[in-house]
C-alpha atoms as a PDB file:
ATOM      1  CA  MET A   1      84.895  78.989 103.382  1.00  0.00           C
ATOM      2  CA  SER A   2      81.630  80.554 101.843  1.00  0.00           C
ATOM      3  CA  THR A   3      79.646  83.790 101.745  1.00  0.00           C
ATOM      4  CA  GLY A   4      75.572  83.348 102.670  1.00  0.00           C
ATOM      5  CA  PRO A   5      72.860  85.601 103.861  1.00  0.00           C
ATOM      6  CA  ARG A   6      74.187  84.679 107.797  1.00  0.00           C
ATOM      7  CA  GLY A   7      78.030  86.540 106.840  1.00  0.00           C
ATOM      8  CA  THR A   8      81.200  85.279 105.941  1.00  0.00           C
ATOM      9  CA  GLN A   9      80.447  81.126 107.354  1.00  0.00           C
ATOM     10  CA  ILE A  10      85.110  79.598 107.502  1.00  0.00           C
ATOM     11  CA  ILE A  11      84.865  75.725 108.611  1.00  0.00           C
ATOM     12  CA  PHE A  12      87.921  74.339 110.386  1.00  0.00           C
ATOM     13  CA  PRO A  13      87.015  70.033 109.856  1.00  0.00           C
ATOM     14  CA  ALA A  14      88.352  67.436 111.678  1.00  0.00           C
ATOM     15  CA  ALA A  15      90.757  66.162 111.518  1.00  0.00           C
ATOM     16  CA  ARG A  16      92.549  68.289 108.496  1.00  0.00           C
ATOM     17  CA  ASN A  17      96.413  67.824 109.563  1.00  0.00           C
ATOM     18  CA  LEU A  18      96.503  64.210 108.670  1.00  0.00           C
ATOM     19  CA  GLY A  19     100.843  64.422 108.985  1.00  0.00           C
ATOM     20  CA  ALA A  20     100.346  66.501 113.016  1.00  0.00           C
ATOM     21  CA  THR A  21      97.405  64.227 113.390  1.00  0.00           C
ATOM     22  CA  LEU A  22      99.223  60.497 113.385  1.00  0.00           C
ATOM     23  CA  GLY A  23     102.684  62.635 114.340  1.00  0.00           C
ATOM     24  CA  LEU A  24     100.916  63.254 117.750  1.00  0.00           C
ATOM     25  CA  THR A  25      98.375  59.620 117.608  1.00  0.00           C
ATOM     26  CA  GLY A  26     101.872  57.784 116.999  1.00  0.00           C
ATOM     27  CA  PHE A  27     103.953  59.517 119.896  1.00  0.00           C
ATOM     28  CA  ALA A  28     100.668  59.541 121.956  1.00  0.00           C
ATOM     29  CA  ALA A  29     100.380  55.220 121.189  1.00  0.00           C
ATOM     30  CA  LEU A  30     104.577  55.239 122.318  1.00  0.00           C
ATOM     31  CA  TRP A  31     103.423  56.521 124.929  1.00  0.00           C
ATOM     32  CA  THR A  32     100.878  54.113 126.724  1.00  0.00           C
ATOM     33  CA  GLY A  33     103.352  51.573 126.673  1.00  0.00           C
ATOM     34  CA  LEU A  34     106.098  53.093 128.285  1.00  0.00           C
ATOM     35  CA  LEU A  35     103.476  54.200 130.445  1.00  0.00           C
ATOM     36  CA  TRP A  36     102.434  50.616 131.456  1.00  0.00           C
ATOM     37  CA  LEU A  37     106.456  49.146 131.218  1.00  0.00           C
ATOM     38  CA  VAL A  38     106.329  52.399 134.513  1.00  0.00           C
ATOM     39  CA  VAL A  39     103.462  49.967 135.968  1.00  0.00           C
ATOM     40  CA  TYR A  40     104.394  47.046 135.566  1.00  0.00           C
ATOM     41  CA  LEU A  41     107.622  47.933 136.581  1.00  0.00           C
ATOM     42  CA  LYS A  42     106.330  48.827 139.886  1.00  0.00           C
ATOM     43  CA  ALA A  43     107.875  51.735 139.910  1.00  0.00           C
ATOM     44  CA  PRO A  44     107.667  54.624 142.499  1.00  0.00           C
ATOM     45  CA  VAL A  45     104.053  55.849 142.428  1.00  0.00           C
ATOM     46  CA  LEU A  46     105.191  59.308 141.712  1.00  0.00           C
ATOM     47  CA  PHE A  47     106.356  57.542 138.174  1.00  0.00           C
ATOM     48  CA  PRO A  48     102.968  56.547 136.908  1.00  0.00           C
ATOM     49  CA  ILE A  49     101.166  59.478 138.589  1.00  0.00           C
ATOM     50  CA  ALA A  50     103.591  61.401 136.382  1.00  0.00           C
ATOM     51  CA  PHE A  51     103.892  59.985 133.557  1.00  0.00           C
ATOM     52  CA  GLY A  52      99.839  58.899 133.642  1.00  0.00           C
ATOM     53  CA  LEU A  53      99.355  62.991 133.248  1.00  0.00           C
ATOM     54  CA  VAL A  54     101.416  63.677 130.130  1.00  0.00           C
ATOM     55  CA  GLU A  55      99.148  60.592 129.037  1.00  0.00           C
ATOM     56  CA  ALA A  56      96.114  62.522 129.862  1.00  0.00           C
ATOM     57  CA  ALA A  57      97.022  65.957 127.755  1.00  0.00           C
ATOM     58  CA  LEU A  58      98.782  63.276 125.480  1.00  0.00           C
ATOM     59  CA  LEU A  59      95.493  61.119 124.600  1.00  0.00           C
ATOM     60  CA  TYR A  60      93.941  64.722 125.056  1.00  0.00           C
ATOM     61  CA  GLY A  61      95.786  66.729 121.785  1.00  0.00           C
ATOM     62  CA  ALA A  62      94.620  63.528 119.296  1.00  0.00           C
ATOM     63  CA  LEU A  63      91.612  63.147 120.589  1.00  0.00           C
ATOM     64  CA  ARG A  64      90.560  67.108 119.779  1.00  0.00           C
ATOM     65  CA  MET A  65      93.469  66.628 116.663  1.00  0.00           C
ATOM     66  CA  TRP A  66      91.501  64.215 115.701  1.00  0.00           C
ATOM     67  CA  LEU A  67      88.100  65.143 116.257  1.00  0.00           C
ATOM     68  CA  ARG A  68      87.718  69.216 116.695  1.00  0.00           C
ATOM     69  CA  VAL A  69      85.190  71.194 114.617  1.00  0.00           C
ATOM     70  CA  VAL A  70      84.729  74.514 114.616  1.00  0.00           C
ATOM     71  CA  GLU A  71      82.597  77.322 113.407  1.00  0.00           C
ATOM     72  CA  VAL A  72      83.706  80.689 112.610  1.00  0.00           C
ATOM     73  CA  THR A  73      79.835  83.165 111.730  1.00  0.00           C
ATOM     74  CA  ALA A  74      80.696  86.949 110.480  1.00  0.00           C
ATOM     75  CA  SER A  75      78.812  90.174 109.603  1.00  0.00           C
ATOM     76  CA  ARG A  76      77.793  93.601 110.471  1.00  0.00           C
ATOM     77  CA  GLU A  77      76.363  92.069 114.063  1.00  0.00           C
ATOM     78  CA  GLY A  78      80.116  90.547 115.244  1.00  0.00           C
ATOM     79  CA  VAL A  79      81.145  86.803 115.514  1.00  0.00           C
ATOM     80  CA  ALA A  80      79.597  83.599 116.439  1.00  0.00           C
ATOM     81  CA  VAL A  81      82.629  80.577 116.967  1.00  0.00           C
ATOM     82  CA  ALA A  82      80.710  77.163 117.336  1.00  0.00           C
ATOM     83  CA  SER A  83      83.531  74.736 118.212  1.00  0.00           C
ATOM     84  CA  GLY A  84      82.963  70.929 119.594  1.00  0.00           C
ATOM     85  CA  PHE A  85      83.783  67.674 118.838  1.00  0.00           C
ATOM     86  CA  ALA A  86      82.291  66.150 115.711  1.00  0.00           C
ATOM     87  CA  ALA A  87      79.423  68.579 115.783  1.00  0.00           C
ATOM     88  CA  VAL A  88      79.467  71.890 117.288  1.00  0.00           C
ATOM     89  CA  GLY A  89      77.887  74.010 119.593  1.00  0.00           C
ATOM     90  CA  ASP A  90      75.987  76.441 120.521  1.00  0.00           C
ATOM     91  CA  PRO A  91      78.102  79.226 119.221  1.00  0.00           C
ATOM     92  CA  THR A  92      80.125  82.431 121.557  1.00  0.00           C
ATOM     93  CA  VAL A  93      78.591  85.524 119.960  1.00  0.00           C
ATOM     94  CA  ILE A  94      80.912  88.363 120.744  1.00  0.00           C
ATOM     95  CA  ALA A  95      79.175  91.462 119.658  1.00  0.00           C
ATOM     96  CA  ALA A  96      80.875  93.609 116.308  1.00  0.00           C
ATOM     97  CA  ARG A  97      81.090  97.106 118.844  1.00  0.00           C
ATOM     98  CA  ASP A  98      83.183  94.676 121.736  1.00  0.00           C
ATOM     99  CA  VAL A  99      85.900  92.951 118.386  1.00  0.00           C
ATOM    100  CA  ALA A 100      88.328  94.830 118.023  1.00  0.00           C
ATOM    101  CA  SER A 101      90.792  92.774 115.961  1.00  0.00           C
ATOM    102  CA  VAL A 102      91.762  89.322 114.583  1.00  0.00           C
ATOM    103  CA  GLU A 103      94.832  87.896 115.026  1.00  0.00           C
ATOM    104  CA  VAL A 104      97.334  85.349 113.266  1.00  0.00           C
ATOM    105  CA  ARG A 105      99.364  83.190 116.128  1.00  0.00           C
ATOM    106  CA  ILE A 106     101.382  80.370 115.792  1.00  0.00           C
ATOM    107  CA  GLY A 107     100.182  77.413 117.592  1.00  0.00           C
ATOM    108  CA  LEU A 108     101.413  74.419 116.187  1.00  0.00           C
ATOM    109  CA  GLN A 109     104.738  73.033 115.104  1.00  0.00           C
ATOM    110  CA  SER A 110     105.353  69.605 114.448  1.00  0.00           C
ATOM    111  CA  GLY A 111     108.726  68.854 112.377  1.00  0.00           C
ATOM    112  CA  SER A 112     109.328  72.280 110.425  1.00  0.00           C
ATOM    113  CA  THR A 113     105.537  73.163 109.843  1.00  0.00           C
ATOM    114  CA  VAL A 114     103.952  76.164 111.547  1.00  0.00           C
ATOM    115  CA  TYR A 115     100.212  76.286 112.205  1.00  0.00           C
ATOM    116  CA  TYR A 116      99.242  79.053 112.751  1.00  0.00           C
ATOM    117  CA  ASP A 117      95.816  79.635 115.140  1.00  0.00           C
ATOM    118  CA  LEU A 118      93.146  82.628 114.534  1.00  0.00           C
ATOM    119  CA  ALA A 119      92.138  85.059 117.624  1.00  0.00           C
ATOM    120  CA  ILE A 120      88.997  87.677 118.468  1.00  0.00           C
ATOM    121  CA  LEU A 121      90.662  90.076 120.431  1.00  0.00           C
ATOM    122  CA  ARG A 122      88.000  91.885 121.971  1.00  0.00           C
ATOM    123  CA  THR A 123      88.174  95.206 123.039  1.00  0.00           C
ATOM    124  CA  ASN A 124      87.932  93.714 127.279  1.00  0.00           C
ATOM    125  CA  GLY A 125      91.305  92.436 126.230  1.00  0.00           C
ATOM    126  CA  ARG A 126      89.965  88.152 125.719  1.00  0.00           C
ATOM    127  CA  ARG A 127      90.483  85.921 123.672  1.00  0.00           C
ATOM    128  CA  THR A 128      88.023  83.879 121.668  1.00  0.00           C
ATOM    129  CA  ASN A 129      90.129  81.515 119.281  1.00  0.00           C
ATOM    130  CA  ALA A 130      88.921  81.324 116.238  1.00  0.00           C
ATOM    131  CA  GLY A 131      90.308  78.280 114.766  1.00  0.00           C
ATOM    132  CA  SER A 132      93.582  76.585 114.585  1.00  0.00           C
ATOM    133  CA  GLY A 133      95.956  74.653 112.151  1.00  0.00           C
ATOM    134  CA  ILE A 134      95.831  75.949 109.252  1.00  0.00           C
ATOM    135  CA  ARG A 135      98.774  75.217 107.504  1.00  0.00           C
ATOM    136  CA  ASP A 136      99.981  79.263 105.917  1.00  0.00           C
ATOM    137  CA  LYS A 137     100.389  81.927 106.995  1.00  0.00           C
ATOM    138  CA  ARG A 138      98.787  84.360 104.510  1.00  0.00           C
ATOM    139  CA  GLU A 139      95.960  82.046 104.309  1.00  0.00           C
ATOM    140  CA  ALA A 140      95.738  82.985 108.654  1.00  0.00           C
ATOM    141  CA  GLU A 141      96.164  86.727 107.462  1.00  0.00           C
ATOM    142  CA  TRP A 142      93.183  85.786 104.178  1.00  0.00           C
ATOM    143  CA  LEU A 143      91.020  84.162 106.557  1.00  0.00           C
ATOM    144  CA  ALA A 144      91.538  87.410 109.424  1.00  0.00           C
ATOM    145  CA  GLN A 145      91.187  89.510 106.737  1.00  0.00           C
ATOM    146  CA  LEU A 146      87.459  88.196 105.271  1.00  0.00           C
ATOM    147  CA  ILE A 147      86.227  87.958 109.737  1.00  0.00           C
ATOM    148  CA  LYS A 148      87.747  91.628 109.683  1.00  0.00           C
ATOM    149  CA  ASN A 149      86.056  92.753 106.297  1.00  0.00           C
ATOM    150  CA  ALA A 150      83.128  91.130 107.114  1.00  0.00           C
ATOM    151  CA  VAL A 151      82.351  92.322 110.734  1.00  0.00           C
ATOM    152  CA  GLY A 152      82.883  96.200 108.673  1.00  0.00           C
ATOM    153  CA  THR A 153      83.534  98.167 112.416  1.00  0.00           C
ATOM    154  CA  PHE A 154      87.087  98.268 114.823  1.00  0.00           C
ATOM    155  CA  THR A 155      87.304 100.130 118.274  1.00  0.00           C
ATOM    156  CA  THR A 156      91.141 101.507 117.938  1.00  0.00           C
ATOM    157  CA  GLU A 157      93.195 102.133 120.755  1.00  0.00           C
ATOM    158  CA  ALA A 158      91.696 106.023 121.259  1.00  0.00           C
ATOM    159  CA  GLN A 159      88.078 104.612 120.882  1.00  0.00           C
ATOM    160  CA  ARG A 160      88.393 102.673 124.273  1.00  0.00           C
ATOM    161  CA  THR A 161      90.980 105.060 125.923  1.00  0.00           C
ATOM    162  CA  GLN A 162      87.672 107.955 125.308  1.00  0.00           C
ATOM    163  CA  ARG A 163      85.437 105.540 126.150  1.00  0.00           C
ATOM    164  CA  ASN A 164      87.389 104.037 129.954  1.00  0.00           C
ATOM    165  CA  ALA A 165      88.028 107.961 130.677  1.00  0.00           C
END
């Protein structure tokens, strides 16, 4: 987290939760072995397809945990969220007037550890993921408050109702 001329910047680096990342990678490796066993034993076609779909989801999840980077920049103009694999891409920019709130939500649980996500709630009801894998709820709430403070303006429910009338 840093504050500069562009605003408050929060960077979520790749592979930041090593235990959960290794756990999912290990499980994906075991599932790969199971998939090859199903294929080797010439199980009916439905089984390799079903196991293969689960395998694809596990591999995507593991790659995402190892490589996904998210950069959030919040200022009076709004919030810019850029993410990508190994490097961030073009940001999704949400104007300050369109930011209704910043939410902390449960995203993942690995064993007894809960990981939290940040989401930008827009005035139109849509959510934009603004980072994930935060191990401490208080830290997630603190980061959400930093974004709120940087943006500075939030539309209340009454203002939204009045605008839509």
